[in-house]
Structure formats: C-alpha cells, structure tokens
C-alpha atoms as a PDB file:
ATOM      1  CA  MET A   1     -34.970  82.936  36.147  1.00  0.00           C
ATOM      2  CA  VAL A   2     -38.438  81.410  35.762  1.00  0.00           C
ATOM      3  CA  LEU A   3     -40.848  83.164  33.398  1.00  0.00           C
ATOM      4  CA  ILE A   4     -44.216  83.968  35.019  1.00  0.00           C
ATOM      5  CA  LEU A   5     -47.093  83.458  32.571  1.00  0.00           C
ATOM      6  CA  ASP A   6     -49.245  86.382  33.650  1.00  0.00           C
ATOM      7  CA  GLY A   7     -52.915  85.645  33.016  1.00  0.00           C
ATOM      8  CA  ARG A   8     -54.127  89.049  34.151  1.00  0.00           C
ATOM      9  CA  GLU A   9     -51.929  90.935  31.696  1.00  0.00           C
ATOM     10  CA  THR A  10     -52.748  88.528  28.871  1.00  0.00           C
ATOM     11  CA  SER A  11     -56.466  88.749  29.611  1.00  0.00           C
ATOM     12  CA  ALA A  12     -56.355  92.554  29.426  1.00  0.00           C
ATOM     13  CA  LYS A  13     -54.629  92.406  26.030  1.00  0.00           C
ATOM     14  CA  ILE A  14     -57.179  89.928  24.667  1.00  0.00           C
ATOM     15  CA  LEU A  15     -60.090  92.072  25.844  1.00  0.00           C
ATOM     16  CA  GLU A  16     -58.627  95.099  24.070  1.00  0.00           C
ATOM     17  CA  GLU A  17     -58.384  93.049  20.861  1.00  0.00           C
ATOM     18  CA  ILE A  18     -61.949  91.853  21.338  1.00  0.00           C
ATOM     19  CA  LYS A  19     -63.207  95.435  21.710  1.00  0.00           C
ATOM     20  CA  ALA A  20     -61.775  96.278  18.281  1.00  0.00           C
ATOM     21  CA  ASP A  21     -63.575  93.293  16.738  1.00  0.00           C
ATOM     22  CA  ILE A  22     -66.825  94.257  18.453  1.00  0.00           C
ATOM     23  CA  THR A  23     -66.581  97.803  17.111  1.00  0.00           C
ATOM     24  CA  THR A  24     -66.166  96.413  13.600  1.00  0.00           C
ATOM     25  CA  LEU A  25     -69.159  94.101  14.030  1.00  0.00           C
ATOM     26  CA  LYS A  26     -71.346  96.929  15.303  1.00  0.00           C
ATOM     27  CA  THR A  27     -70.615  98.966  12.174  1.00  0.00           C
ATOM     28  CA  LYS A  28     -72.253  96.059  10.331  1.00  0.00           C
ATOM     29  CA  GLY A  29     -75.281  96.115  12.615  1.00  0.00           C
ATOM     30  CA  ILE A  30     -74.223  93.074  14.669  1.00  0.00           C
ATOM     31  CA  THR A  31     -73.869  93.167  18.456  1.00  0.00           C
ATOM     32  CA  PRO A  32     -72.495  89.919  19.954  1.00  0.00           C
ATOM     33  CA  ASN A  33     -75.157  88.455  22.233  1.00  0.00           C
ATOM     34  CA  LEU A  34     -74.398  86.016  25.073  1.00  0.00           C
ATOM     35  CA  HIS A  35     -77.077  84.250  27.145  1.00  0.00           C
ATOM     36  CA  LEU A  36     -76.071  82.789  30.517  1.00  0.00           C
ATOM     37  CA  ILE A  37     -78.180  80.287  32.451  1.00  0.00           C
ATOM     38  CA  LEU A  38     -77.925  79.910  36.224  1.00  0.00           C
ATOM     39  CA  ILE A  39     -79.890  77.301  38.137  1.00  0.00           C
ATOM     40  CA  GLY A  40     -80.152  77.322  41.920  1.00  0.00           C
ATOM     41  CA  THR A  41     -79.137  79.714  44.694  1.00  0.00           C
ATOM     42  CA  ASP A  42     -75.417  79.064  45.112  1.00  0.00           C
ATOM     43  CA  GLN A  43     -73.913  82.458  45.968  1.00  0.00           C
ATOM     44  CA  ASN A  44     -70.474  81.658  44.548  1.00  0.00           C
ATOM     45  CA  SER A  45     -72.040  80.756  41.193  1.00  0.00           C
ATOM     46  CA  LEU A  46     -74.135  83.916  41.282  1.00  0.00           C
ATOM     47  CA  ARG A  47     -71.086  86.090  41.982  1.00  0.00           C
ATOM     48  CA  TYR A  48     -69.103  84.411  39.224  1.00  0.00           C
ATOM     49  CA  ILE A  49     -71.833  84.708  36.619  1.00  0.00           C
ATOM     50  CA  ASN A  50     -72.379  88.376  37.510  1.00  0.00           C
ATOM     51  CA  MET A  51     -68.651  88.888  36.995  1.00  0.00           C
ATOM     52  CA  LYS A  52     -68.977  87.334  33.533  1.00  0.00           C
ATOM     53  CA  ILE A  53     -71.861  89.652  32.705  1.00  0.00           C
ATOM     54  CA  LYS A  54     -69.960  92.709  33.930  1.00  0.00           C
ATOM     55  CA  ARG A  55     -66.846  91.828  31.913  1.00  0.00           C
ATOM     56  CA  ALA A  56     -68.931  91.082  28.813  1.00  0.00           C
ATOM     57  CA  GLU A  57     -70.733  94.407  29.020  1.00  0.00           C
ATOM     58  CA  GLU A  58     -67.451  96.245  29.599  1.00  0.00           C
ATOM     59  CA  ALA A  59     -66.140  94.660  26.399  1.00  0.00           C
ATOM     60  CA  GLY A  60     -69.225  95.849  24.529  1.00  0.00           C
ATOM     61  CA  ILE A  61     -71.309  92.703  24.074  1.00  0.00           C
ATOM     62  CA  THR A  62     -74.851  92.092  25.268  1.00  0.00           C
ATOM     63  CA  ALA A  63     -75.169  89.602  28.129  1.00  0.00           C
ATOM     64  CA  MET A  64     -78.519  88.226  29.275  1.00  0.00           C
ATOM     65  CA  LEU A  65     -78.942  86.236  32.499  1.00  0.00           C
ATOM     66  CA  HIS A  66     -81.650  83.566  32.885  1.00  0.00           C
ATOM     67  CA  HIS A  67     -81.721  82.745  36.609  1.00  0.00           C
ATOM     68  CA  TYR A  68     -83.957  79.930  37.851  1.00  0.00           C
ATOM     69  CA  GLU A  69     -83.898  79.260  41.583  1.00  0.00           C
ATOM     70  CA  LYS A  70     -86.037  76.185  40.923  1.00  0.00           C
ATOM     71  CA  THR A  71     -86.740  74.571  37.573  1.00  0.00           C
ATOM     72  CA  THR A  72     -86.712  71.281  35.671  1.00  0.00           C
ATOM     73  CA  THR A  73     -84.452  69.757  33.066  1.00  0.00           C
ATOM     74  CA  ASP A  74     -87.259  69.938  30.495  1.00  0.00           C
ATOM     75  CA  GLU A  75     -87.832  73.650  31.115  1.00  0.00           C
ATOM     76  CA  ILE A  76     -84.154  74.466  30.627  1.00  0.00           C
ATOM     77  CA  VAL A  77     -83.968  72.337  27.467  1.00  0.00           C
ATOM     78  CA  ARG A  78     -86.987  74.236  26.084  1.00  0.00           C
ATOM     79  CA  LEU A  79     -85.268  77.553  26.833  1.00  0.00           C
ATOM     80  CA  ILE A  80     -82.062  76.409  25.137  1.00  0.00           C
ATOM     81  CA  LYS A  81     -83.964  75.296  22.033  1.00  0.00           C
ATOM     82  CA  GLU A  82     -85.577  78.744  21.842  1.00  0.00           C
ATOM     83  CA  LEU A  83     -82.162  80.391  22.119  1.00  0.00           C
ATOM     84  CA  ASN A  84     -80.726  77.987  19.535  1.00  0.00           C
ATOM     85  CA  SER A  85     -83.361  79.084  17.024  1.00  0.00           C
ATOM     86  CA  ASP A  86     -82.901  82.823  17.652  1.00  0.00           C
ATOM     87  CA  PRO A  87     -80.410  84.230  15.111  1.00  0.00           C
ATOM     88  CA  LYS A  88     -79.700  87.201  17.391  1.00  0.00           C
ATOM     89  CA  VAL A  89     -78.298  84.870  20.079  1.00  0.00           C
ATOM     90  CA  HIS A  90     -74.656  84.028  19.377  1.00  0.00           C
ATOM     91  CA  GLY A  91     -73.562  82.269  22.553  1.00  0.00           C
ATOM     92  CA  ILE A  92     -75.209  80.150  25.257  1.00  0.00           C
ATOM     93  CA  MET A  93     -73.584  78.896  28.450  1.00  0.00           C
ATOM     94  CA  ILE A  94     -74.704  77.028  31.569  1.00  0.00           C
ATOM     95  CA  GLN A  95     -73.122  77.956  34.891  1.00  0.00           C
ATOM     96  CA  LEU A  96     -71.906  74.684  36.368  1.00  0.00           C
ATOM     97  CA  PRO A  97     -72.411  72.814  38.585  1.00  0.00           C
ATOM     98  CA  VAL A  98     -76.198  72.578  38.525  1.00  0.00           C
ATOM     99  CA  PRO A  99     -78.424  71.184  41.328  1.00  0.00           C
ATOM    100  CA  ASN A 100     -78.560  67.398  41.628  1.00  0.00           C
ATOM    101  CA  ASP A 101     -82.132  67.164  40.359  1.00  0.00           C
ATOM    102  CA  ILE A 102     -81.144  68.721  37.010  1.00  0.00           C
ATOM    103  CA  LYS A 103     -79.650  66.445  34.350  1.00  0.00           C
ATOM    104  CA  GLU A 104     -76.500  68.382  33.518  1.00  0.00           C
ATOM    105  CA  HIS A 105     -75.558  66.360  30.438  1.00  0.00           C
ATOM    106  CA  GLU A 106     -78.996  66.867  28.868  1.00  0.00           C
ATOM    107  CA  ILE A 107     -79.024  70.632  29.164  1.00  0.00           C
ATOM    108  CA  VAL A 108     -75.410  71.109  28.092  1.00  0.00           C
ATOM    109  CA  GLU A 109     -75.867  68.804  25.098  1.00  0.00           C
ATOM    110  CA  ALA A 110     -78.975  70.735  24.030  1.00  0.00           C
ATOM    111  CA  ILE A 111     -76.794  73.705  23.045  1.00  0.00           C
ATOM    112  CA  LEU A 112     -75.903  73.802  19.357  1.00  0.00           C
ATOM    113  CA  PRO A 113     -72.111  73.453  18.827  1.00  0.00           C
ATOM    114  CA  GLU A 114     -72.005  76.777  16.963  1.00  0.00           C
ATOM    115  CA  LYS A 115     -73.437  78.485  20.063  1.00  0.00           C
ATOM    116  CA  ASP A 116     -71.570  76.386  22.647  1.00  0.00           C
ATOM    117  CA  VAL A 117     -69.142  79.189  23.458  1.00  0.00           C
ATOM    118  CA  ASP A 118     -68.157  77.506  26.731  1.00  0.00           C
ATOM    119  CA  GLY A 119     -67.031  74.467  24.704  1.00  0.00           C
ATOM    120  CA  LEU A 120     -68.469  71.886  27.108  1.00  0.00           C
ATOM    121  CA  GLY A 121     -71.065  69.985  25.058  1.00  0.00           C
ATOM    122  CA  ALA A 122     -70.584  66.386  23.956  1.00  0.00           C
ATOM    123  CA  LEU A 123     -70.942  67.356  20.294  1.00  0.00           C
ATOM    124  CA  THR A 124     -68.279  70.015  20.767  1.00  0.00           C
ATOM    125  CA  PHE A 125     -65.968  67.496  22.433  1.00  0.00           C
ATOM    126  CA  GLY A 126     -66.563  65.095  19.551  1.00  0.00           C
ATOM    127  CA  LYS A 127     -65.570  67.768  17.060  1.00  0.00           C
ATOM    128  CA  ILE A 128     -62.414  68.531  19.048  1.00  0.00           C
ATOM    129  CA  LEU A 129     -61.595  64.816  19.201  1.00  0.00           C
ATOM    130  CA  MET A 130     -62.041  64.459  15.444  1.00  0.00           C
ATOM    131  CA  GLY A 131     -59.928  67.524  14.739  1.00  0.00           C
ATOM    132  CA  GLN A 132     -62.869  69.533  13.430  1.00  0.00           C
ATOM    133  CA  LYS A 133     -63.426  73.223  14.031  1.00  0.00           C
ATOM    134  CA  ALA A 134     -65.136  73.888  17.362  1.00  0.00           C
ATOM    135  CA  PHE A 135     -64.966  76.234  20.314  1.00  0.00           C
ATOM    136  CA  LEU A 136     -62.345  75.044  22.766  1.00  0.00           C
ATOM    137  CA  PRO A 137     -63.337  75.026  26.440  1.00  0.00           C
ATOM    138  CA  ALA A 138     -62.156  78.207  28.127  1.00  0.00           C
ATOM    139  CA  GLY A 139     -59.536  76.360  30.201  1.00  0.00           C
ATOM    140  CA  VAL A 140     -57.965  74.768  27.121  1.00  0.00           C
ATOM    141  CA  ASP A 141     -57.999  78.041  25.214  1.00  0.00           C
ATOM    142  CA  ALA A 142     -56.428  79.812  28.207  1.00  0.00           C
ATOM    143  CA  VAL A 143     -53.510  77.359  28.256  1.00  0.00           C
ATOM    144  CA  MET A 144     -52.861  77.687  24.523  1.00  0.00           C
ATOM    145  CA  GLN A 145     -53.191  81.483  24.564  1.00  0.00           C
ATOM    146  CA  LEU A 146     -50.625  81.846  27.347  1.00  0.00           C
ATOM    147  CA  LEU A 147     -48.064  79.644  25.621  1.00  0.00           C
ATOM    148  CA  GLU A 148     -48.494  81.297  22.243  1.00  0.00           C
ATOM    149  CA  ARG A 149     -48.469  84.872  23.539  1.00  0.00           C
ATOM    150  CA  TYR A 150     -45.322  84.226  25.558  1.00  0.00           C
ATOM    151  CA  ASN A 151     -43.710  82.614  22.480  1.00  0.00           C
ATOM    152  CA  ILE A 152     -43.225  79.274  24.210  1.00  0.00           C
ATOM    153  CA  GLN A 153     -42.591  76.517  21.684  1.00  0.00           C
ATOM    154  CA  TRP A 154     -44.891  73.623  22.558  1.00  0.00           C
ATOM    155  CA  GLU A 155     -45.537  71.638  19.373  1.00  0.00           C
ATOM    156  CA  SER A 156     -42.614  69.211  19.568  1.00  0.00           C
ATOM    157  CA  LYS A 157     -42.681  68.784  23.340  1.00  0.00           C
ATOM    158  CA  HIS A 158     -43.836  65.927  25.547  1.00  0.00           C
ATOM    159  CA  TRP A 159     -46.912  67.027  27.459  1.00  0.00           C
ATOM    160  CA  VAL A 160     -48.047  65.370  30.675  1.00  0.00           C
ATOM    161  CA  VAL A 161     -51.620  66.232  31.680  1.00  0.00           C
ATOM    162  CA  VAL A 162     -52.538  65.324  35.264  1.00  0.00           C
ATOM    163  CA  GLY A 163     -56.276  65.502  35.924  1.00  0.00           C
ATOM    164  CA  LEU A 164     -58.843  64.546  33.299  1.00  0.00           C
ATOM    165  CA  THR A 165     -61.787  66.869  33.885  1.00  0.00           C
ATOM    166  CA  ALA A 166     -64.368  67.351  31.142  1.00  0.00           C
ATOM    167  CA  TRP A 167     -63.637  71.102  31.051  1.00  0.00           C
ATOM    168  CA  LEU A 168     -59.836  70.907  30.781  1.00  0.00           C
ATOM    169  CA  GLY A 169     -57.909  67.633  30.879  1.00  0.00           C
ATOM    170  CA  LYS A 170     -59.899  65.515  28.419  1.00  0.00           C
ATOM    171  CA  PRO A 171     -60.466  68.184  25.730  1.00  0.00           C
ATOM    172  CA  LEU A 172     -56.872  69.404  26.099  1.00  0.00           C
ATOM    173  CA  VAL A 173     -55.562  65.888  25.451  1.00  0.00           C
ATOM    174  CA  ALA A 174     -57.872  65.549  22.422  1.00  0.00           C
ATOM    175  CA  HIS A 175     -56.718  68.924  21.071  1.00  0.00           C
ATOM    176  CA  LEU A 176     -53.040  68.029  21.520  1.00  0.00           C
ATOM    177  CA  LEU A 177     -53.420  64.637  19.849  1.00  0.00           C
ATOM    178  CA  ASN A 178     -54.769  66.376  16.758  1.00  0.00           C
ATOM    179  CA  LYS A 179     -51.720  68.636  16.819  1.00  0.00           C
ATOM    180  CA  LYS A 180     -49.597  65.448  16.719  1.00  0.00           C
ATOM    181  CA  VAL A 181     -48.111  66.235  20.104  1.00  0.00           C
ATOM    182  CA  GLN A 182     -46.777  63.483  22.360  1.00  0.00           C
ATOM    183  CA  VAL A 183     -49.061  63.503  25.380  1.00  0.00           C
ATOM    184  CA  THR A 184     -49.379  61.397  28.516  1.00  0.00           C
ATOM    185  CA  ALA A 185     -52.740  61.630  30.293  1.00  0.00           C
ATOM    186  CA  LEU A 186     -53.152  60.770  33.987  1.00  0.00           C
ATOM    187  CA  SER A 187     -56.157  60.781  36.270  1.00  0.00           C
ATOM    188  CA  ALA A 188     -55.976  62.976  39.357  1.00  0.00           C
ATOM    189  CA  ASP A 189     -55.695  59.922  41.606  1.00  0.00           C
ATOM    190  CA  GLU A 190     -52.833  58.299  39.673  1.00  0.00           C
ATOM    191  CA  SER A 191     -50.547  56.730  42.294  1.00  0.00           C
ATOM    192  CA  ASN A 192     -47.329  57.257  40.343  1.00  0.00           C
ATOM    193  CA  ILE A 193     -47.584  60.891  39.244  1.00  0.00           C
ATOM    194  CA  GLU A 194     -43.943  61.603  40.084  1.00  0.00           C
ATOM    195  CA  SER A 195     -42.402  59.219  37.552  1.00  0.00           C
ATOM    196  CA  TYR A 196     -44.585  60.588  34.750  1.00  0.00           C
ATOM    197  CA  ALA A 197     -44.189  64.227  35.762  1.00  0.00           C
ATOM    198  CA  LYS A 198     -40.409  63.917  35.514  1.00  0.00           C
ATOM    199  CA  GLN A 199     -40.778  63.132  31.798  1.00  0.00           C
ATOM    200  CA  ALA A 200     -42.758  66.294  31.022  1.00  0.00           C
ATOM    201  CA  ASP A 201     -41.546  69.170  28.878  1.00  0.00           C
ATOM    202  CA  VAL A 202     -44.951  70.765  29.509  1.00  0.00           C
ATOM    203  CA  LEU A 203     -46.739  69.750  32.715  1.00  0.00           C
ATOM    204  CA  VAL A 204     -50.437  70.597  33.140  1.00  0.00           C
ATOM    205  CA  VAL A 205     -51.855  69.936  36.611  1.00  0.00           C
ATOM    206  CA  GLU A 206     -55.429  70.049  37.908  1.00  0.00           C
ATOM    207  CA  VAL A 207     -55.834  67.730  40.877  1.00  0.00           C
ATOM    208  CA  TYR A 208     -56.982  70.179  43.601  1.00  0.00           C
ATOM    209  CA  LYS A 209     -54.357  69.171  46.138  1.00  0.00           C
ATOM    210  CA  LYS A 210     -52.241  71.976  47.566  1.00  0.00           C
ATOM    211  CA  HIS A 211     -48.574  71.835  46.479  1.00  0.00           C
ATOM    212  CA  VAL A 212     -48.753  68.211  45.351  1.00  0.00           C
ATOM    213  CA  ILE A 213     -46.061  68.993  42.739  1.00  0.00           C
ATOM    214  CA  ASN A 214     -42.601  70.008  43.985  1.00  0.00           C
ATOM    215  CA  ALA A 215     -39.085  70.351  42.571  1.00  0.00           C
ATOM    216  CA  SER A 216     -38.203  66.686  43.154  1.00  0.00           C
ATOM    217  CA  MET A 217     -40.905  65.678  40.649  1.00  0.00           C
ATOM    218  CA  ILE A 218     -39.880  67.745  37.609  1.00  0.00           C
ATOM    219  CA  LYS A 219     -36.983  68.078  35.225  1.00  0.00           C
ATOM    220  CA  ASP A 220     -34.946  71.143  34.402  1.00  0.00           C
ATOM    221  CA  GLY A 221     -36.589  73.547  31.954  1.00  0.00           C
ATOM    222  CA  VAL A 222     -40.156  72.258  32.252  1.00  0.00           C
ATOM    223  CA  VAL A 223     -43.093  74.572  31.509  1.00  0.00           C
ATOM    224  CA  ILE A 224     -45.784  74.227  34.199  1.00  0.00           C
ATOM    225  CA  ILE A 225     -49.467  75.089  33.877  1.00  0.00           C
ATOM    226  CA  ASP A 226     -51.046  75.039  37.349  1.00  0.00           C
ATOM    227  CA  ASN A 227     -54.848  74.905  37.281  1.00  0.00           C
ATOM    228  CA  GLY A 228     -55.340  74.023  40.936  1.00  0.00           C
ATOM    229  CA  ASN A 229     -57.453  76.130  43.257  1.00  0.00           C
ATOM    230  CA  ASN A 230     -57.106  75.153  46.898  1.00  0.00           C
ATOM    231  CA  TYR A 231     -58.648  77.551  49.402  1.00  0.00           C
ATOM    232  CA  GLU A 232     -57.491  78.100  52.954  1.00  0.00           C
ATOM    233  CA  GLY A 233     -59.605  80.855  54.371  1.00  0.00           C
ATOM    234  CA  LYS A 234     -59.340  83.773  51.958  1.00  0.00           C
ATOM    235  CA  LYS A 235     -56.086  82.531  50.433  1.00  0.00           C
ATOM    236  CA  VAL A 236     -55.833  80.308  47.375  1.00  0.00           C
ATOM    237  CA  PHE A 237     -52.972  77.951  46.568  1.00  0.00           C
ATOM    238  CA  GLY A 238     -52.127  75.988  43.460  1.00  0.00           C
ATOM    239  CA  ASP A 239     -51.401  72.300  43.019  1.00  0.00           C
ATOM    240  CA  VAL A 240     -47.773  73.260  42.416  1.00  0.00           C
ATOM    241  CA  ASN A 241     -45.316  74.584  45.009  1.00  0.00           C
ATOM    242  CA  THR A 242     -44.280  77.547  42.867  1.00  0.00           C
ATOM    243  CA  GLU A 243     -41.426  78.723  45.081  1.00  0.00           C
ATOM    244  CA  ASP A 244     -39.892  75.257  45.101  1.00  0.00           C
ATOM    245  CA  VAL A 245     -40.260  74.396  41.396  1.00  0.00           C
ATOM    246  CA  SER A 246     -39.043  77.835  40.273  1.00  0.00           C
ATOM    247  CA  LYS A 247     -35.503  76.528  40.809  1.00  0.00           C
ATOM    248  CA  LEU A 248     -35.940  74.271  37.774  1.00  0.00           C
ATOM    249  CA  ALA A 249     -38.971  75.349  35.730  1.00  0.00           C
ATOM    250  CA  SER A 250     -38.475  77.643  32.737  1.00  0.00           C
ATOM    251  CA  ALA A 251     -42.033  79.049  32.901  1.00  0.00           C
ATOM    252  CA  ILE A 252     -45.038  78.709  35.193  1.00  0.00           C
ATOM    253  CA  THR A 253     -48.550  80.042  35.684  1.00  0.00           C
ATOM    254  CA  PRO A 254     -49.077  81.624  39.119  1.00  0.00           C
ATOM    255  CA  VAL A 255     -52.035  80.880  41.396  1.00  0.00           C
ATOM    256  CA  PRO A 256     -53.866  83.152  41.561  1.00  0.00           C
ATOM    257  CA  GLY A 257     -53.327  85.118  38.352  1.00  0.00           C
ATOM    258  CA  GLY A 258     -52.516  82.379  35.832  1.00  0.00           C
ATOM    259  CA  THR A 259     -55.156  80.665  33.710  1.00  0.00           C
ATOM    260  CA  GLY A 260     -58.029  81.858  35.923  1.00  0.00           C
ATOM    261  CA  PRO A 261     -58.245  85.478  34.708  1.00  0.00           C
ATOM    262  CA  LEU A 262     -58.394  84.238  31.112  1.00  0.00           C
ATOM    263  CA  LEU A 263     -61.493  82.066  31.491  1.00  0.00           C
ATOM    264  CA  ILE A 264     -64.018  84.882  31.163  1.00  0.00           C
ATOM    265  CA  SER A 265     -62.016  86.494  28.359  1.00  0.00           C
ATOM    266  CA  MET A 266     -62.120  83.231  26.394  1.00  0.00           C
ATOM    267  CA  LEU A 267     -65.903  83.035  26.829  1.00  0.00           C
ATOM    268  CA  ILE A 268     -66.270  86.573  25.486  1.00  0.00           C
ATOM    269  CA  LYS A 269     -63.819  85.891  22.648  1.00  0.00           C
ATOM    270  CA  ASN A 270     -65.778  82.811  21.558  1.00  0.00           C
ATOM    271  CA  THR A 271     -69.041  84.778  21.580  1.00  0.00           C
ATOM    272  CA  VAL A 272     -67.473  87.388  19.339  1.00  0.00           C
ATOM    273  CA  GLU A 273     -66.153  84.657  17.015  1.00  0.00           C
ATOM    274  CA  ALA A 274     -69.675  83.190  16.814  1.00  0.00           C
ATOM    275  CA  ALA A 275     -71.067  86.619  15.904  1.00  0.00           C
ATOM    276  CA  LYS A 276     -68.421  87.069  13.194  1.00  0.00           C
ATOM    277  CA  LYS A 277     -69.919  84.172  11.261  1.00  0.00           C
ATOM    278  CA  LEU A 278     -72.899  86.424  10.524  1.00  0.00           C
ATOM    279  CA  SER A 279     -70.811  89.295   9.190  1.00  0.00           C
END
C-alpha cells in the first residue's frame, strides 16, 4: 500500500515545534520579526501573503506587510537596505511574481543571505551550490522535511528532478549534489521524460501539466514528490496521476495536501532560525 506523505499533518507538527522555540526566544527578549513585501494588485498574491501573515502571527512571530500598488525597483531596494540594517528584522521576503516593470532579480538579490528566509537570492543559491550554510528555499525544505519525518531513506538513492525552477528544481539539485546523491536533472520540456523517470528511486516533478506522469513511466517502489498545481475551476490536480501510480509507488505526496501546506511553515521556521542567531 502506498504511503501518503501528508503535508498538512507534518506542517502542524512543525508549527508546534516552532511555537516552543519562539517561547524560548521571547524569554530572552527576542521576538522573531518577518517583513513581507508585496508589489502590485494581484488578488491571489494578496490572499497568499495575508495567509502567511496570519500563520506567522498564530505561531507567535511578528509579521509586517509592506504593500506597494505602484513603486519602482530603486524604492524597493532602498526599503530592503533599511530592513537589512535593522537588527530587529530577522527575515525579509518578496511575494513573487512582481510586476513586469520591477526588476525582480535586483530586489531579491538586495536581501542579505542571513535574512533571506525565503531562500531565493542569488547569494543564497551560491551558498547552497558551494555546500555552505544557507536557508533552503521553502519548496526544497518541504521535500526534505517530508522524507525525513516519514523516515524515508533518500541518501543512497537515484533522484530524478523534472522541472528546474529557481525556487525548487535548481536549488534542490545543488543541495543533493552536496549530499553526494546521484541526481539527474531535466527541464520541464524534456522530450524524453519517460526513459529518465523509469530510473528514479526518488522522482520530483514540477512541470505544471496535469497527470503527465503515470504508472507506465515509473519503476516499482519509487518515492514521488508531486509539486504540480494544475487548476480546473476550483479543483487542483498534480503533475502525477496519483491513482494510477499508487499501484507501484512506495510513497507519494498528494495534490493538494503534499508539499504545499509546508511552504508557509518553512518560511516561519527559517525566520525563527534567523532570530536564534541573536540569542
């Protein structure tokens, strides 16, 4: 029977652990402080960032929203530099994507690595690539947390990562290479995904194509991490046909309810870790 890697349950456990750490920090006069920057008027982004703020406050950390309906790259960089220099600010994150007239790479790279709790800056990626200590992007951390908390042995396995986004695929591959794991990396538009997927002991997929992975493309016992989000009306489907692959897979993340619920928890966890450095 396939093991379902429940992100909701795991997220709840992590948040309880975080609350204990926050209580300890507060006894030392330190309250973890997260600043979130939203640019534009996209309602989905606004809903998501408000969810992050709500979850952060429920955990016991301070969350401050900087919302600019219209702004410039220079103005946001100035704000980030101010937050970088404020010792009471432990974490800074930009809600992506940003409007086309804003230079995303400039504002993300302006965040100091020690405050880049979303793990998306170029300096952070460089540290991950070099095997140095840095905050992992939330998606990468979510994958590793699920495997470790469900006691799934992953170190000596062959990983196949399909989809090389800057927030998951690329940093995940860099992280795995430093763990001396055999990893095959494929772009989302790779024409021969099937032949590579069949080699995977751990298959990570993020291509945003509904049910592109089925049972004919995997081997017996594979662990599958499905990061796809494909909406049809109010329903969301993964990149993996879960019902079909469950005949062969040993473990799988559901969609919804897999890595998604962990993303906000990882952001909060990283903010708490940043605050700990002051204790």
